[in-house]
Amino acid sequence: MELIFTARSRRQEGTAYTGMSTHNLQADVNMSAGTGSADDPKQAQITIKNEGSQRWSGVIHIELAFDKRQPRFFLPAFMYGRNRGEAPQNVPNEFPRIRDGKPSHPSSP
């Protein structure tokens, strides 16, 4: 299991996430238990250390990369547009449902 760490400082210009070393941060990962199965998921203890001289404030993004063999999942933000309240919701009620074959879109009334 490989965790990928990036960060975005409150002080930086822009919204790009960059490597932890850019922010003088270090991540330590201790795998404590679990086989990785659904019944016994892996458990990790993550410690973030600020090695810089200034106080750090921002967002740390932790990503878990994994093998994707025939994935069968949907991300709501992609299925329903931007998934935000500013757009009108005057659309037919269609709900996601996985169907066999090649339907025009994965939904049902």
Protein backbone atom coordinates (compact mmCIF):
# COMPACT_ATOMS: atom_id res chain seq x y z
CA MET A 1 0.00 0.00 0.00
CA GLU A 2 1.51 3.28 -1.10
CA LEU A 3 0.18 6.57 0.19
CA ILE A 4 0.85 9.72 -1.84
CA PHE A 5 1.10 12.97 0.14
CA THR A 6 0.69 16.49 -1.25
CA ALA A 7 -0.12 19.77 0.47
CA ARG A 8 -1.42 23.29 -0.13
CA SER A 9 -0.40 26.07 2.24
CA ARG A 10 -2.78 28.81 3.30
CA ARG A 11 -0.03 31.34 2.48
CA GLN A 12 0.72 30.18 -1.07
CA GLU A 13 -0.65 31.79 -4.20
CA GLY A 14 -2.88 29.57 -6.28
CA THR A 15 -4.58 26.31 -5.38
CA ALA A 16 -2.03 23.75 -6.60
CA TYR A 17 -1.03 20.89 -4.31
CA THR A 18 2.72 20.27 -4.22
CA GLY A 19 5.08 17.81 -2.57
CA MET A 20 5.44 17.77 1.20
CA SER A 21 9.11 18.81 1.06
CA THR A 22 8.05 22.05 -0.66
CA HIS A 23 6.26 22.95 2.59
CA ASN A 24 8.99 21.64 4.93
CA LEU A 25 6.63 18.85 6.00
CA GLN A 26 7.46 15.20 6.54
CA ALA A 27 4.96 12.31 6.66
CA ASP A 28 5.65 9.10 8.55
CA VAL A 29 3.37 6.10 8.01
CA ASN A 30 3.12 3.19 10.46
CA MET A 31 1.08 0.24 9.21
CA SER A 32 -0.43 -1.14 12.41
CA ALA A 33 -2.86 -3.92 11.44
CA GLY A 34 -5.10 -5.49 8.82
CA THR A 35 -4.70 -7.78 5.85
CA GLY A 36 -6.35 -5.43 3.36
CA SER A 37 -9.52 -7.47 2.89
CA ALA A 38 -13.02 -6.01 3.28
CA ASP A 39 -13.40 -7.83 6.61
CA ASP A 40 -9.97 -6.79 7.90
CA PRO A 41 -8.94 -3.47 6.29
CA LYS A 42 -5.40 -2.20 6.65
CA GLN A 43 -4.88 0.41 9.33
CA ALA A 44 -2.29 3.15 9.16
CA GLN A 45 -1.14 5.71 11.68
CA ILE A 46 0.06 8.86 9.93
CA THR A 47 2.23 11.48 11.63
CA ILE A 48 2.91 14.82 9.93
CA LYS A 49 5.92 16.77 11.16
CA ASN A 50 6.63 20.44 10.40
CA GLU A 51 10.39 20.70 9.90
CA GLY A 52 10.26 24.41 9.08
CA SER A 53 10.81 27.33 11.42
CA GLN A 54 7.36 28.89 10.76
CA ARG A 55 3.97 27.64 11.86
CA TRP A 56 2.27 25.84 8.96
CA SER A 57 -1.42 26.04 8.11
CA GLY A 58 -3.12 24.50 5.09
CA VAL A 59 -4.56 21.32 3.62
CA ILE A 60 -2.80 17.97 3.39
CA HIS A 61 -4.06 15.58 0.72
CA ILE A 62 -3.46 11.86 1.20
CA GLU A 63 -4.12 9.58 -1.76
CA LEU A 64 -4.18 5.80 -1.85
CA ALA A 65 -3.29 4.36 -5.23
CA PHE A 66 -4.60 0.88 -5.99
CA ASP A 67 -5.02 -1.53 -8.87
CA LYS A 68 -8.26 -0.85 -10.72
CA ARG A 69 -9.46 -4.04 -12.38
CA GLN A 70 -12.80 -3.41 -14.09
CA PRO A 71 -13.96 -0.73 -11.62
CA ARG A 72 -17.73 -0.50 -11.16
CA PHE A 73 -18.39 2.68 -9.21
CA PHE A 74 -19.80 6.10 -9.96
CA LEU A 75 -18.82 9.48 -8.59
CA PRO A 76 -21.91 11.59 -7.80
CA ALA A 77 -20.32 14.90 -8.82
CA PHE A 78 -19.79 13.53 -12.33
CA MET A 79 -23.25 11.99 -12.58
CA TYR A 80 -25.19 14.99 -11.32
CA GLY A 81 -23.13 17.84 -12.72
CA ARG A 82 -21.17 19.97 -10.29
CA ASN A 83 -23.12 18.62 -7.32
CA ARG A 84 -23.62 22.13 -5.95
CA GLY A 85 -26.71 24.10 -5.00
CA GLU A 86 -26.24 27.09 -7.34
CA ALA A 87 -27.66 25.29 -10.40
CA PRO A 88 -31.43 24.74 -10.81
CA GLN A 89 -32.53 21.17 -10.25
CA ASN A 90 -35.35 21.17 -12.84
CA VAL A 91 -34.39 17.87 -14.38
CA PRO A 92 -36.24 14.55 -14.64
CA ASN A 93 -35.74 12.35 -11.59
CA GLU A 94 -33.18 9.83 -12.71
CA PHE A 95 -31.22 7.75 -10.26
CA PRO A 96 -28.00 5.81 -10.90
CA ARG A 97 -28.34 2.12 -11.53
CA ILE A 98 -25.80 -0.21 -13.09
CA ARG A 99 -27.33 -1.96 -16.10
CA ASP A 100 -26.01 -4.63 -18.45
CA GLY A 101 -25.14 -3.76 -22.02
CA LYS A 102 -24.29 -0.27 -23.24
CA PRO A 103 -27.13 2.00 -22.12
CA SER A 104 -27.05 5.70 -23.03
CA HIS A 105 -26.62 6.52 -19.35
CA PRO A 106 -26.69 4.48 -16.14
CA SER A 107 -30.04 5.51 -14.67
CA SER A 108 -33.63 4.49 -14.17
CA PRO A 109 -36.83 6.53 -13.68
